[in-house]
């Protein structure tokens, strides 16, 4: 007795399913830690791999006059994960598909990877603060309308905290100084070099990458605190 045939999916349907799955995985801000007492709530978020692009780069990849379309608004005011994504081509033609673009556009191009992302692509990338890209590796980005060759700009983002002036005063932090992030829970870990960024427009938020979040067991129920 023969078995009934299983339904088949055409290529377009399979690709749509894969895109949907990847979109769930690559949007940054995937974990939020509980609040610490202070003038504003402390949020600790994990950022998945992503890129920042100039308007010129966006038009190279998506066509003349193209503008990024917000898909998900992030915690910092005016920042968003765009609907647009690109394919990153690394050393030895290794590829990451659906690399999310974060908006709005900046005046430089930068790709932020976790350590395991870099290893899988064949990169040796330094830990850098955002925008400090001199001497970093480059890569190729591919979009629906063209290719962008980046001579530099691939980094592993340094853990950092965004602060308003009242938060800086409360925690004793200064712009471009360093603080410690203590993560409690089963693993219990302290990050010693959290770079401080102070601006009146900032909400109190620490950014670490997915490798770091996994290593410290970050989830919504793990208490975190900032110390000098």
N, C-alpha and C. Protein backbone atom coordinates (compact mmCIF):
# COMPACT_ATOMS: atom_id res chain seq x y z
N UNK A 1 0.86 -1.19 0.00
CA UNK A 1 0.00 0.00 0.00
C UNK A 1 0.89 1.24 0.00
N UNK A 2 0.70 2.10 -0.96
CA UNK A 2 1.56 3.28 -1.09
C UNK A 2 1.08 4.38 -0.16
N UNK A 3 2.05 5.18 0.30
CA UNK A 3 1.72 6.32 1.15
C UNK A 3 1.26 7.49 0.30
N UNK A 4 0.31 8.27 0.82
CA UNK A 4 -0.09 9.45 0.06
C UNK A 4 1.09 10.40 -0.08
N UNK A 5 1.14 11.08 -1.20
CA UNK A 5 2.23 12.01 -1.44
C UNK A 5 2.14 13.21 -0.52
N UNK A 6 3.31 13.63 -0.02
CA UNK A 6 3.35 14.84 0.81
C UNK A 6 3.22 16.05 -0.09
N UNK A 7 2.56 17.11 0.41
CA UNK A 7 2.45 18.32 -0.39
C UNK A 7 3.83 18.91 -0.63
N UNK A 8 4.05 19.46 -1.81
CA UNK A 8 5.34 20.05 -2.16
C UNK A 8 5.24 21.57 -2.10
N UNK A 9 6.36 22.18 -1.80
CA UNK A 9 6.43 23.64 -1.77
C UNK A 9 7.32 24.10 -2.92
N UNK A 10 6.87 25.13 -3.64
CA UNK A 10 7.73 25.65 -4.69
C UNK A 10 8.84 26.51 -4.09
N UNK A 11 9.82 26.88 -4.90
CA UNK A 11 11.00 27.60 -4.43
C UNK A 11 10.63 28.92 -3.77
N UNK A 12 9.67 29.64 -4.36
CA UNK A 12 9.28 30.94 -3.82
C UNK A 12 8.72 30.80 -2.42
N UNK A 13 7.91 29.76 -2.19
CA UNK A 13 7.32 29.56 -0.86
C UNK A 13 8.39 29.23 0.16
N UNK A 14 9.36 28.39 -0.23
CA UNK A 14 10.45 28.04 0.68
C UNK A 14 11.26 29.28 1.03
N UNK A 15 11.61 30.10 0.02
CA UNK A 15 12.39 31.30 0.27
C UNK A 15 11.66 32.26 1.19
N UNK A 16 10.33 32.36 1.02
CA UNK A 16 9.55 33.24 1.89
C UNK A 16 9.58 32.76 3.33
N UNK A 17 9.50 31.44 3.53
CA UNK A 17 9.56 30.89 4.88
C UNK A 17 10.92 31.15 5.52
N UNK A 18 11.99 30.99 4.72
CA UNK A 18 13.33 31.23 5.25
C UNK A 18 13.51 32.69 5.61
N UNK A 19 13.04 33.60 4.76
CA UNK A 19 13.17 35.03 5.05
C UNK A 19 12.45 35.39 6.33
N UNK A 20 11.23 34.84 6.52
CA UNK A 20 10.47 35.13 7.73
C UNK A 20 11.21 34.64 8.97
N UNK A 21 11.77 33.43 8.88
CA UNK A 21 12.52 32.89 10.01
C UNK A 21 13.74 33.73 10.32
N UNK A 22 14.48 34.14 9.31
CA UNK A 22 15.67 34.94 9.51
C UNK A 22 15.35 36.29 10.09
N UNK A 23 14.25 36.90 9.66
CA UNK A 23 13.87 38.20 10.17
C UNK A 23 13.61 38.14 11.67
N UNK A 24 13.07 37.03 12.15
CA UNK A 24 12.84 36.89 13.58
C UNK A 24 14.17 36.85 14.33
N UNK A 25 15.21 36.31 13.68
CA UNK A 25 16.47 36.11 14.36
C UNK A 25 17.39 37.31 14.34
N UNK A 26 17.34 38.14 13.28
CA UNK A 26 18.39 39.13 13.10
C UNK A 26 18.01 40.52 13.57
N UNK A 27 16.77 40.76 13.95
CA UNK A 27 16.43 42.08 14.46
C UNK A 27 17.07 42.27 15.83
N UNK A 28 17.83 43.36 16.03
CA UNK A 28 18.50 43.57 17.31
C UNK A 28 17.52 43.78 18.46
N UNK A 29 18.07 43.96 19.67
CA UNK A 29 17.30 44.20 20.87
C UNK A 29 16.45 42.98 21.23
N UNK A 30 17.11 41.87 21.49
CA UNK A 30 16.37 40.63 21.70
C UNK A 30 16.19 40.25 23.16
N UNK A 31 16.84 40.94 24.06
CA UNK A 31 16.69 40.60 25.48
C UNK A 31 16.71 41.85 26.33
N UNK A 32 15.85 41.89 27.32
CA UNK A 32 15.78 43.05 28.19
C UNK A 32 15.93 42.61 29.64
N UNK A 33 16.85 43.24 30.36
CA UNK A 33 17.08 42.90 31.76
C UNK A 33 16.22 43.78 32.66
N UNK A 34 15.99 43.34 33.91
CA UNK A 34 15.16 44.12 34.82
C UNK A 34 15.77 45.48 35.16
N UNK A 35 14.94 46.35 35.71
CA UNK A 35 15.35 47.72 36.02
C UNK A 35 16.26 47.77 37.25
N UNK A 36 17.13 48.79 37.23
CA UNK A 36 17.92 49.13 38.41
C UNK A 36 17.41 50.47 38.90
N UNK A 37 17.35 50.66 40.22
CA UNK A 37 16.82 51.90 40.76
C UNK A 37 17.68 53.07 40.34
N UNK A 38 17.04 54.18 40.02
CA UNK A 38 17.74 55.38 39.57
C UNK A 38 16.73 56.32 38.94
N UNK A 39 17.19 57.45 38.39
CA UNK A 39 16.25 58.39 37.79
C UNK A 39 15.50 57.81 36.60
N UNK A 40 16.12 56.84 35.89
CA UNK A 40 15.49 56.20 34.74
C UNK A 40 15.74 54.70 34.79
N UNK A 41 14.87 53.90 34.21
CA UNK A 41 15.07 52.45 34.24
C UNK A 41 16.31 52.04 33.45
N UNK A 42 17.06 51.08 33.98
CA UNK A 42 18.21 50.53 33.27
C UNK A 42 17.74 49.37 32.40
N UNK A 43 18.03 49.47 31.12
CA UNK A 43 17.71 48.41 30.17
C UNK A 43 19.02 47.85 29.63
N UNK A 44 19.12 46.53 29.58
CA UNK A 44 20.28 45.87 28.97
C UNK A 44 19.77 45.07 27.78
N UNK A 45 20.21 45.44 26.59
CA UNK A 45 19.73 44.80 25.38
C UNK A 45 20.86 44.10 24.63
N UNK A 46 20.51 43.01 24.00
CA UNK A 46 21.44 42.26 23.16
C UNK A 46 21.20 42.60 21.70
N UNK A 47 22.25 42.97 21.00
CA UNK A 47 22.13 43.35 19.59
C UNK A 47 22.67 42.26 18.69
N UNK A 48 21.83 41.78 17.78
CA UNK A 48 22.28 40.81 16.78
C UNK A 48 23.10 41.54 15.71
N UNK A 49 23.78 40.78 14.89
CA UNK A 49 24.57 41.36 13.81
C UNK A 49 23.72 42.29 12.94
N UNK A 50 24.32 43.38 12.50
CA UNK A 50 23.59 44.36 11.70
C UNK A 50 24.58 45.30 11.04
N UNK A 51 24.07 46.24 10.24
CA UNK A 51 24.94 47.23 9.62
C UNK A 51 24.29 48.60 9.65
N UNK A 52 25.16 49.62 9.58
CA UNK A 52 24.76 51.01 9.43
C UNK A 52 25.30 51.49 8.08
N UNK A 53 24.47 52.20 7.32
CA UNK A 53 24.88 52.62 5.99
C UNK A 53 24.62 54.09 5.75
N UNK A 54 25.40 54.67 4.87
CA UNK A 54 25.14 56.03 4.41
C UNK A 54 24.01 56.01 3.38
N UNK A 55 23.43 57.17 3.10
CA UNK A 55 22.38 57.24 2.08
C UNK A 55 22.93 56.85 0.71
N UNK A 56 24.17 57.24 0.44
CA UNK A 56 24.80 56.87 -0.83
C UNK A 56 24.90 55.36 -0.96
N UNK A 57 25.28 54.69 0.12
CA UNK A 57 25.40 53.24 0.10
C UNK A 57 24.03 52.58 -0.11
N UNK A 58 23.01 53.11 0.57
CA UNK A 58 21.65 52.58 0.40
C UNK A 58 21.23 52.66 -1.06
N UNK A 59 21.52 53.77 -1.71
CA UNK A 59 21.12 53.93 -3.11
C UNK A 59 21.93 53.01 -4.03
N UNK A 60 23.18 52.77 -3.69
CA UNK A 60 23.99 51.83 -4.46
C UNK A 60 23.39 50.42 -4.39
N UNK A 61 22.91 50.05 -3.22
CA UNK A 61 22.41 48.69 -3.00
C UNK A 61 20.96 48.50 -3.41
N UNK A 62 20.15 49.57 -3.29
CA UNK A 62 18.70 49.42 -3.49
C UNK A 62 18.14 50.29 -4.62
N UNK A 63 18.97 51.14 -5.20
CA UNK A 63 18.50 51.95 -6.32
C UNK A 63 18.46 53.43 -5.99
N UNK A 64 18.60 54.25 -7.03
CA UNK A 64 18.63 55.70 -6.88
C UNK A 64 17.38 56.22 -6.19
N UNK A 65 17.57 57.05 -5.15
CA UNK A 65 16.45 57.66 -4.44
C UNK A 65 15.81 56.79 -3.38
N UNK A 66 16.30 55.55 -3.22
CA UNK A 66 15.68 54.66 -2.24
C UNK A 66 15.96 55.15 -0.82
N UNK A 67 14.95 55.08 0.02
CA UNK A 67 15.08 55.44 1.43
C UNK A 67 14.69 54.25 2.30
N UNK A 68 15.37 54.12 3.43
CA UNK A 68 15.08 53.01 4.34
C UNK A 68 13.66 53.11 4.89
N UNK A 69 13.04 51.95 5.08
CA UNK A 69 11.68 51.87 5.61
C UNK A 69 11.72 51.26 7.01
N UNK A 70 11.29 51.99 8.04
CA UNK A 70 11.30 51.44 9.40
C UNK A 70 10.42 50.18 9.49
N UNK A 71 10.97 49.14 10.09
CA UNK A 71 10.22 47.91 10.35
C UNK A 71 9.90 47.78 11.83
N UNK A 72 10.90 48.11 12.68
CA UNK A 72 10.72 48.00 14.12
C UNK A 72 11.49 49.12 14.80
N UNK A 73 10.80 49.90 15.62
CA UNK A 73 11.47 50.98 16.34
C UNK A 73 12.23 50.41 17.52
N UNK A 74 13.43 50.90 17.73
CA UNK A 74 14.30 50.43 18.80
C UNK A 74 14.14 51.31 20.03
N UNK A 75 14.87 50.98 21.08
CA UNK A 75 14.67 51.65 22.37
C UNK A 75 15.12 53.11 22.34
N UNK A 76 16.23 53.39 21.67
CA UNK A 76 16.68 54.77 21.56
C UNK A 76 15.80 55.53 20.58
N UNK A 77 15.43 56.76 20.94
CA UNK A 77 14.52 57.56 20.13
C UNK A 77 15.06 57.73 18.70
N UNK A 78 14.20 57.49 17.73
CA UNK A 78 14.54 57.72 16.33
C UNK A 78 15.31 56.60 15.67
N UNK A 79 15.71 55.57 16.42
CA UNK A 79 16.48 54.46 15.86
C UNK A 79 15.53 53.31 15.50
N UNK A 80 15.82 52.63 14.40
CA UNK A 80 14.93 51.56 13.98
C UNK A 80 15.68 50.48 13.20
N UNK A 81 15.11 49.28 13.22
CA UNK A 81 15.51 48.22 12.31
C UNK A 81 14.71 48.40 11.04
N UNK A 82 15.41 48.49 9.91
CA UNK A 82 14.75 48.73 8.64
C UNK A 82 14.22 47.43 8.04
N UNK A 83 13.25 47.58 7.15
CA UNK A 83 12.77 46.41 6.41
C UNK A 83 13.85 45.87 5.49
N UNK A 84 14.74 46.75 5.06
CA UNK A 84 15.78 46.35 4.11
C UNK A 84 16.89 45.55 4.79
N UNK A 85 17.39 44.58 4.09
CA UNK A 85 18.55 43.81 4.54
C UNK A 85 19.44 43.54 3.34
N UNK A 86 20.68 43.15 3.62
CA UNK A 86 21.65 42.90 2.55
C UNK A 86 22.33 41.56 2.79
N UNK A 87 23.05 41.12 1.80
CA UNK A 87 23.88 39.93 1.93
C UNK A 87 25.33 40.36 2.11
N UNK A 88 25.98 39.83 3.12
CA UNK A 88 27.39 40.13 3.40
C UNK A 88 28.24 39.01 2.83
N UNK A 89 29.23 39.39 2.03
CA UNK A 89 30.16 38.42 1.47
C UNK A 89 31.52 38.65 2.13
N UNK A 90 31.98 37.66 2.88
CA UNK A 90 33.22 37.78 3.62
C UNK A 90 34.37 37.10 2.93
N UNK A 91 35.47 36.90 3.64
CA UNK A 91 36.63 36.21 3.08
C UNK A 91 36.26 34.82 2.56
N UNK A 92 36.95 34.43 1.48
CA UNK A 92 36.74 33.11 0.87
C UNK A 92 35.28 32.90 0.48
N UNK A 93 34.61 34.01 0.14
CA UNK A 93 33.23 33.98 -0.38
C UNK A 93 32.21 33.41 0.60
N UNK A 94 32.52 33.44 1.90
CA UNK A 94 31.54 33.02 2.90
C UNK A 94 30.50 34.11 3.07
N UNK A 95 29.24 33.71 3.31
CA UNK A 95 28.12 34.63 3.19
C UNK A 95 27.22 34.62 4.42
N UNK A 96 26.72 35.80 4.79
CA UNK A 96 25.59 35.92 5.72
C UNK A 96 24.46 36.61 4.95
N UNK A 97 23.33 35.94 4.84
CA UNK A 97 22.17 36.52 4.17
C UNK A 97 21.33 37.31 5.16
N UNK A 98 20.56 38.25 4.63
CA UNK A 98 19.61 39.02 5.44
C UNK A 98 20.27 39.73 6.62
N UNK A 99 21.36 40.42 6.35
CA UNK A 99 21.99 41.26 7.36
C UNK A 99 21.16 42.53 7.49
N UNK A 100 20.58 42.73 8.66
CA UNK A 100 19.64 43.82 8.86
C UNK A 100 20.34 45.18 8.84
N UNK A 101 19.71 46.15 8.22
CA UNK A 101 20.19 47.54 8.24
C UNK A 101 19.46 48.29 9.35
N UNK A 102 20.21 49.05 10.15
CA UNK A 102 19.61 49.90 11.15
C UNK A 102 19.62 51.34 10.66
N UNK A 103 18.51 52.03 10.88
CA UNK A 103 18.39 53.42 10.46
C UNK A 103 18.26 54.34 11.65
N UNK A 104 18.34 55.64 11.40
CA UNK A 104 18.48 56.28 10.08
C UNK A 104 19.89 56.17 9.54
N UNK A 105 20.08 56.63 8.30
CA UNK A 105 21.39 56.57 7.66
C UNK A 105 22.41 57.39 8.44
N UNK A 106 23.66 56.97 8.35
CA UNK A 106 24.77 57.67 8.97
C UNK A 106 25.71 58.20 7.89
N UNK A 107 26.80 58.82 8.29
CA UNK A 107 27.74 59.34 7.31
C UNK A 107 28.91 58.38 7.09
N UNK A 108 28.77 57.14 7.55
CA UNK A 108 29.79 56.12 7.32
C UNK A 108 29.10 54.76 7.24
N UNK A 109 29.83 53.78 6.71
CA UNK A 109 29.31 52.41 6.59
C UNK A 109 30.02 51.51 7.59
N UNK A 110 29.23 50.71 8.31
CA UNK A 110 29.79 49.89 9.37
C UNK A 110 28.98 48.61 9.52
N UNK A 111 29.67 47.48 9.64
CA UNK A 111 29.05 46.19 9.90
C UNK A 111 29.46 45.75 11.30
N UNK A 112 28.48 45.35 12.12
CA UNK A 112 28.76 44.90 13.48
C UNK A 112 28.43 43.41 13.60
N UNK A 113 29.45 42.63 13.94
CA UNK A 113 29.32 41.19 14.06
C UNK A 113 29.66 40.73 15.47
N UNK A 114 29.06 39.65 15.90
CA UNK A 114 29.52 38.96 17.10
C UNK A 114 30.75 38.13 16.74
N UNK A 115 31.48 37.69 17.75
CA UNK A 115 32.72 36.95 17.53
C UNK A 115 32.48 35.68 16.72
N UNK A 116 31.41 34.94 17.06
CA UNK A 116 31.14 33.70 16.33
C UNK A 116 30.74 33.98 14.88
N UNK A 117 30.06 35.11 14.61
CA UNK A 117 29.76 35.50 13.24
C UNK A 117 31.05 35.70 12.46
N UNK A 118 31.99 36.44 13.08
CA UNK A 118 33.26 36.74 12.42
C UNK A 118 34.03 35.47 12.10
N UNK A 119 34.07 34.54 13.06
CA UNK A 119 34.79 33.28 12.84
C UNK A 119 34.18 32.50 11.68
N UNK A 120 32.85 32.43 11.64
CA UNK A 120 32.18 31.65 10.59
C UNK A 120 32.42 32.26 9.22
N UNK A 121 32.63 33.57 9.16
CA UNK A 121 32.88 34.24 7.89
C UNK A 121 34.35 34.25 7.50
N UNK A 122 35.23 33.94 8.45
CA UNK A 122 36.65 33.99 8.17
C UNK A 122 37.30 35.32 8.46
N UNK A 123 36.61 36.18 9.22
CA UNK A 123 37.14 37.49 9.59
C UNK A 123 37.94 37.42 10.88
N UNK A 124 38.92 38.30 11.00
CA UNK A 124 39.54 38.61 12.27
C UNK A 124 39.24 40.07 12.54
N UNK A 125 38.24 40.33 13.39
CA UNK A 125 37.77 41.70 13.56
C UNK A 125 38.11 42.22 14.96
N UNK A 126 38.47 43.49 15.06
CA UNK A 126 38.79 44.08 16.36
C UNK A 126 37.54 44.54 17.09
N UNK A 127 37.66 44.69 18.41
CA UNK A 127 36.60 45.30 19.21
C UNK A 127 36.77 46.81 19.11
N UNK A 128 35.76 47.50 18.63
CA UNK A 128 35.84 48.94 18.42
C UNK A 128 34.55 49.62 18.87
N UNK A 129 34.67 50.89 19.26
CA UNK A 129 33.48 51.71 19.45
C UNK A 129 32.92 52.09 18.10
N UNK A 130 31.61 52.28 18.04
CA UNK A 130 30.95 52.60 16.79
C UNK A 130 31.57 53.85 16.17
N UNK A 131 31.86 53.78 14.87
CA UNK A 131 32.44 54.91 14.16
C UNK A 131 33.95 54.90 14.12
N UNK A 132 34.58 54.08 14.96
CA UNK A 132 36.04 53.99 14.99
C UNK A 132 36.45 52.82 14.10
N UNK A 133 36.54 53.07 12.80
CA UNK A 133 36.68 51.97 11.85
C UNK A 133 38.01 51.97 11.10
N UNK A 134 38.87 52.94 11.35
CA UNK A 134 40.15 52.98 10.65
C UNK A 134 40.96 51.72 10.93
N UNK A 135 41.46 51.09 9.87
CA UNK A 135 42.28 49.90 10.02
C UNK A 135 41.51 48.62 10.23
N UNK A 136 40.18 48.65 10.12
CA UNK A 136 39.37 47.44 10.29
C UNK A 136 39.19 46.74 8.95
N UNK A 137 38.81 45.46 8.96
CA UNK A 137 38.60 44.74 7.69
C UNK A 137 37.43 45.32 6.91
N UNK A 138 37.43 45.06 5.62
CA UNK A 138 36.31 45.42 4.77
C UNK A 138 35.54 44.19 4.35
N UNK A 139 34.52 44.39 3.53
CA UNK A 139 33.71 43.28 3.03
C UNK A 139 32.94 43.74 1.81
N UNK A 140 32.20 42.85 1.24
CA UNK A 140 31.30 43.18 0.13
C UNK A 140 29.87 43.00 0.61
N UNK A 141 29.03 44.00 0.31
CA UNK A 141 27.60 43.90 0.58
C UNK A 141 26.85 43.82 -0.75
N UNK A 142 25.83 42.99 -0.80
CA UNK A 142 25.04 42.82 -2.01
C UNK A 142 23.58 43.14 -1.72
N UNK A 143 22.99 43.99 -2.54
CA UNK A 143 21.59 44.32 -2.44
C UNK A 143 20.88 44.01 -3.74
N UNK A 144 19.59 44.28 -3.82
CA UNK A 144 18.85 43.95 -5.04
C UNK A 144 19.24 44.77 -6.25
N UNK A 145 19.91 45.93 -6.03
CA UNK A 145 20.26 46.79 -7.16
C UNK A 145 21.75 46.88 -7.42
N UNK A 146 22.57 46.27 -6.57
CA UNK A 146 24.00 46.39 -6.82
C UNK A 146 24.85 45.91 -5.66
N UNK A 147 26.16 46.11 -5.82
CA UNK A 147 27.16 45.70 -4.83
C UNK A 147 27.83 46.92 -4.23
N UNK A 148 28.23 46.79 -2.96
CA UNK A 148 29.00 47.83 -2.28
C UNK A 148 30.25 47.20 -1.71
N UNK A 149 31.40 47.67 -2.15
CA UNK A 149 32.66 47.17 -1.63
C UNK A 149 33.14 48.10 -0.52
N UNK A 150 33.14 47.61 0.70
CA UNK A 150 33.62 48.36 1.86
C UNK A 150 35.10 48.04 2.09
N UNK A 151 35.94 49.05 2.03
CA UNK A 151 37.36 48.82 2.26
C UNK A 151 37.67 48.63 3.75
N UNK A 152 36.80 49.14 4.61
CA UNK A 152 36.93 48.98 6.05
C UNK A 152 35.55 49.10 6.67
N UNK A 153 35.45 48.81 7.98
CA UNK A 153 34.17 49.02 8.66
C UNK A 153 33.55 47.81 9.31
N UNK A 154 34.22 46.64 9.26
CA UNK A 154 33.68 45.45 9.92
C UNK A 154 34.28 45.37 11.32
N UNK A 155 33.43 45.43 12.35
CA UNK A 155 33.91 45.47 13.73
C UNK A 155 33.11 44.51 14.61
N UNK A 156 33.66 44.25 15.77
CA UNK A 156 32.89 43.70 16.88
C UNK A 156 32.65 44.87 17.81
N UNK A 157 31.39 45.26 17.99
CA UNK A 157 31.07 46.47 18.75
C UNK A 157 31.43 46.32 20.22
N UNK A 158 32.13 47.31 20.76
CA UNK A 158 32.47 47.31 22.17
C UNK A 158 31.20 47.46 23.01
N UNK A 159 31.06 46.73 24.11
CA UNK A 159 29.91 46.93 25.00
C UNK A 159 29.88 48.39 25.46
N UNK A 160 28.68 48.97 25.47
CA UNK A 160 28.58 50.39 25.80
C UNK A 160 27.24 50.70 26.44
N UNK A 161 27.17 51.86 27.07
CA UNK A 161 25.93 52.31 27.71
C UNK A 161 25.58 53.71 27.23
N UNK A 162 24.32 53.90 26.86
CA UNK A 162 23.78 55.21 26.53
C UNK A 162 23.20 55.81 27.82
N UNK A 163 23.52 57.08 28.07
CA UNK A 163 23.05 57.74 29.30
C UNK A 163 22.63 59.17 29.02
N UNK A 164 21.57 59.60 29.68
CA UNK A 164 21.25 61.02 29.76
C UNK A 164 22.09 61.64 30.87
N UNK A 165 22.27 62.96 30.89
CA UNK A 165 23.10 63.59 31.93
C UNK A 165 22.67 63.25 33.35
N UNK A 166 21.35 63.13 33.61
CA UNK A 166 20.91 62.82 34.97
C UNK A 166 21.31 61.39 35.38
N UNK A 167 21.36 60.48 34.39
CA UNK A 167 21.83 59.13 34.69
C UNK A 167 23.32 59.13 34.98
N UNK A 168 24.08 59.89 34.19
CA UNK A 168 25.52 59.98 34.41
C UNK A 168 25.83 60.52 35.80
N UNK A 169 25.06 61.52 36.23
CA UNK A 169 25.26 62.08 37.56
C UNK A 169 24.94 61.05 38.64
N UNK A 170 23.85 60.31 38.45
CA UNK A 170 23.43 59.32 39.44
C UNK A 170 24.46 58.20 39.58
N UNK A 171 24.97 57.70 38.44
CA UNK A 171 25.87 56.56 38.47
C UNK A 171 27.35 56.95 38.57
N UNK A 172 27.63 58.24 38.47
CA UNK A 172 29.01 58.70 38.54
C UNK A 172 29.79 58.43 37.27
N UNK A 173 29.09 58.35 36.16
CA UNK A 173 29.75 58.12 34.88
C UNK A 173 30.00 59.42 34.14
N UNK A 174 31.00 59.43 33.29
CA UNK A 174 31.31 60.59 32.46
C UNK A 174 31.39 60.15 31.00
N UNK A 175 31.09 61.06 30.10
CA UNK A 175 31.14 60.74 28.69
C UNK A 175 32.53 60.24 28.31
N UNK A 176 32.57 59.12 27.57
CA UNK A 176 33.79 58.48 27.09
C UNK A 176 34.64 57.87 28.21
N UNK A 177 34.02 57.66 29.36
CA UNK A 177 34.70 56.92 30.43
C UNK A 177 34.23 55.46 30.37
N UNK A 178 34.57 54.68 31.41
CA UNK A 178 34.15 53.28 31.44
C UNK A 178 33.48 52.97 32.78
N UNK A 179 32.49 52.07 32.72
CA UNK A 179 31.82 51.58 33.91
C UNK A 179 31.79 50.05 33.85
N UNK A 180 31.26 49.44 34.91
CA UNK A 180 31.12 48.00 34.96
C UNK A 180 29.63 47.64 34.94
N UNK A 181 29.32 46.56 34.25
CA UNK A 181 27.97 46.00 34.25
C UNK A 181 28.03 44.67 34.98
N UNK A 182 27.27 44.57 36.07
CA UNK A 182 27.20 43.33 36.84
C UNK A 182 25.91 42.61 36.46
N UNK A 183 26.06 41.40 35.97
CA UNK A 183 24.92 40.57 35.58
C UNK A 183 24.80 39.44 36.60
N UNK A 184 23.68 39.37 37.30
CA UNK A 184 23.46 38.31 38.29
C UNK A 184 22.94 37.05 37.60
N UNK A 185 22.25 36.22 38.34
CA UNK A 185 21.72 35.00 37.75
C UNK A 185 22.63 33.81 37.97
N UNK A 186 22.35 32.71 37.29
CA UNK A 186 23.08 31.46 37.50
C UNK A 186 24.55 31.57 37.13
N UNK A 187 24.87 32.37 36.12
CA UNK A 187 26.26 32.46 35.68
C UNK A 187 27.05 33.53 36.44
N UNK A 188 26.42 34.66 36.75
CA UNK A 188 27.08 35.71 37.50
C UNK A 188 28.33 36.23 36.81
N UNK A 189 28.20 37.30 36.05
CA UNK A 189 29.32 37.80 35.26
C UNK A 189 29.40 39.32 35.35
N UNK A 190 30.62 39.85 35.31
CA UNK A 190 30.82 41.30 35.32
C UNK A 190 31.59 41.71 34.07
N UNK A 191 31.03 42.67 33.34
CA UNK A 191 31.73 43.27 32.20
C UNK A 191 32.47 44.50 32.72
N UNK A 192 33.80 44.50 32.60
CA UNK A 192 34.61 45.54 33.22
C UNK A 192 34.73 46.81 32.39
N UNK A 193 34.54 46.73 31.08
CA UNK A 193 34.80 47.88 30.21
C UNK A 193 33.57 48.25 29.40
N UNK A 194 32.60 48.84 30.06
CA UNK A 194 31.40 49.34 29.39
C UNK A 194 31.64 50.81 29.05
N UNK A 195 31.77 51.11 27.78
CA UNK A 195 32.06 52.47 27.33
C UNK A 195 30.82 53.36 27.54
N UNK A 196 31.03 54.54 28.08
CA UNK A 196 29.93 55.44 28.45
C UNK A 196 29.72 56.50 27.37
N UNK A 197 28.48 56.64 26.93
CA UNK A 197 28.09 57.71 26.00
C UNK A 197 26.99 58.52 26.67
N UNK A 198 27.21 59.81 26.81
CA UNK A 198 26.25 60.68 27.49
C UNK A 198 25.71 61.71 26.50
N UNK A 199 24.38 61.82 26.45
CA UNK A 199 23.73 62.81 25.60
C UNK A 199 22.32 63.02 26.13
N UNK A 200 21.80 64.26 26.09
CA UNK A 200 20.44 64.51 26.60
C UNK A 200 19.36 63.70 25.90
N UNK A 201 19.62 63.26 24.68
CA UNK A 201 18.60 62.52 23.93
C UNK A 201 18.58 61.03 24.27
N UNK A 202 19.56 60.54 25.02
CA UNK A 202 19.68 59.10 25.26
C UNK A 202 18.77 58.62 26.38
N UNK A 203 18.26 57.39 26.20
CA UNK A 203 17.65 56.63 27.27
C UNK A 203 18.72 55.71 27.86
N UNK A 204 18.56 55.36 29.14
CA UNK A 204 19.57 54.54 29.82
C UNK A 204 19.50 53.11 29.29
N UNK A 205 20.53 52.72 28.54
CA UNK A 205 20.51 51.41 27.90
C UNK A 205 21.93 50.92 27.67
N UNK A 206 22.19 49.68 28.08
CA UNK A 206 23.45 49.01 27.79
C UNK A 206 23.26 48.12 26.57
N UNK A 207 24.24 48.14 25.67
CA UNK A 207 24.24 47.26 24.51
C UNK A 207 25.38 46.25 24.63
N UNK A 208 25.05 44.98 24.56
CA UNK A 208 26.04 43.92 24.40
C UNK A 208 25.62 43.09 23.19
N UNK A 209 26.54 42.27 22.66
CA UNK A 209 26.17 41.48 21.49
C UNK A 209 25.61 40.12 21.90
N UNK A 210 25.23 39.34 20.90
CA UNK A 210 24.55 38.07 21.19
C UNK A 210 25.48 37.06 21.87
N UNK A 211 26.76 37.04 21.50
CA UNK A 211 27.70 36.16 22.17
C UNK A 211 27.81 36.50 23.65
N UNK A 212 27.92 37.80 23.93
CA UNK A 212 28.05 38.25 25.31
C UNK A 212 26.79 37.97 26.12
N UNK A 213 25.63 38.17 25.49
CA UNK A 213 24.37 37.89 26.17
C UNK A 213 24.22 36.41 26.48
N UNK A 214 24.62 35.56 25.55
CA UNK A 214 24.54 34.12 25.79
C UNK A 214 25.52 33.69 26.88
N UNK A 215 26.71 34.31 26.89
CA UNK A 215 27.72 33.92 27.87
C UNK A 215 27.30 34.25 29.29
N UNK A 216 26.57 35.35 29.47
CA UNK A 216 26.16 35.75 30.83
C UNK A 216 24.75 35.30 31.17
N UNK A 217 24.09 34.59 30.25
CA UNK A 217 22.75 34.09 30.52
C UNK A 217 21.70 35.19 30.63
N UNK A 218 21.87 36.26 29.85
CA UNK A 218 20.93 37.38 29.92
C UNK A 218 19.53 36.97 29.46
N UNK A 219 18.55 37.25 30.29
CA UNK A 219 17.15 37.11 29.90
C UNK A 219 16.34 38.12 30.71
N UNK A 220 15.04 38.27 30.44
CA UNK A 220 14.25 39.32 31.09
C UNK A 220 14.19 39.22 32.61
N UNK A 221 14.57 38.08 33.18
CA UNK A 221 14.48 37.91 34.64
C UNK A 221 15.82 38.03 35.37
N UNK A 222 16.88 38.33 34.64
CA UNK A 222 18.21 38.40 35.26
C UNK A 222 18.49 39.84 35.69
N UNK A 223 18.68 40.09 37.00
CA UNK A 223 18.99 41.46 37.47
C UNK A 223 20.36 41.91 36.99
N UNK A 224 20.46 43.19 36.61
CA UNK A 224 21.72 43.79 36.19
C UNK A 224 21.88 45.12 36.90
N UNK A 225 23.13 45.54 37.09
CA UNK A 225 23.37 46.86 37.67
C UNK A 225 24.66 47.45 37.14
N UNK A 226 24.70 48.76 37.08
CA UNK A 226 25.88 49.51 36.66
C UNK A 226 26.62 50.01 37.89
N UNK A 227 27.96 49.86 37.85
CA UNK A 227 28.78 50.39 38.93
C UNK A 227 30.01 51.04 38.32
N UNK A 228 30.68 51.91 39.10
CA UNK A 228 31.90 52.56 38.62
C UNK A 228 33.07 51.58 38.68
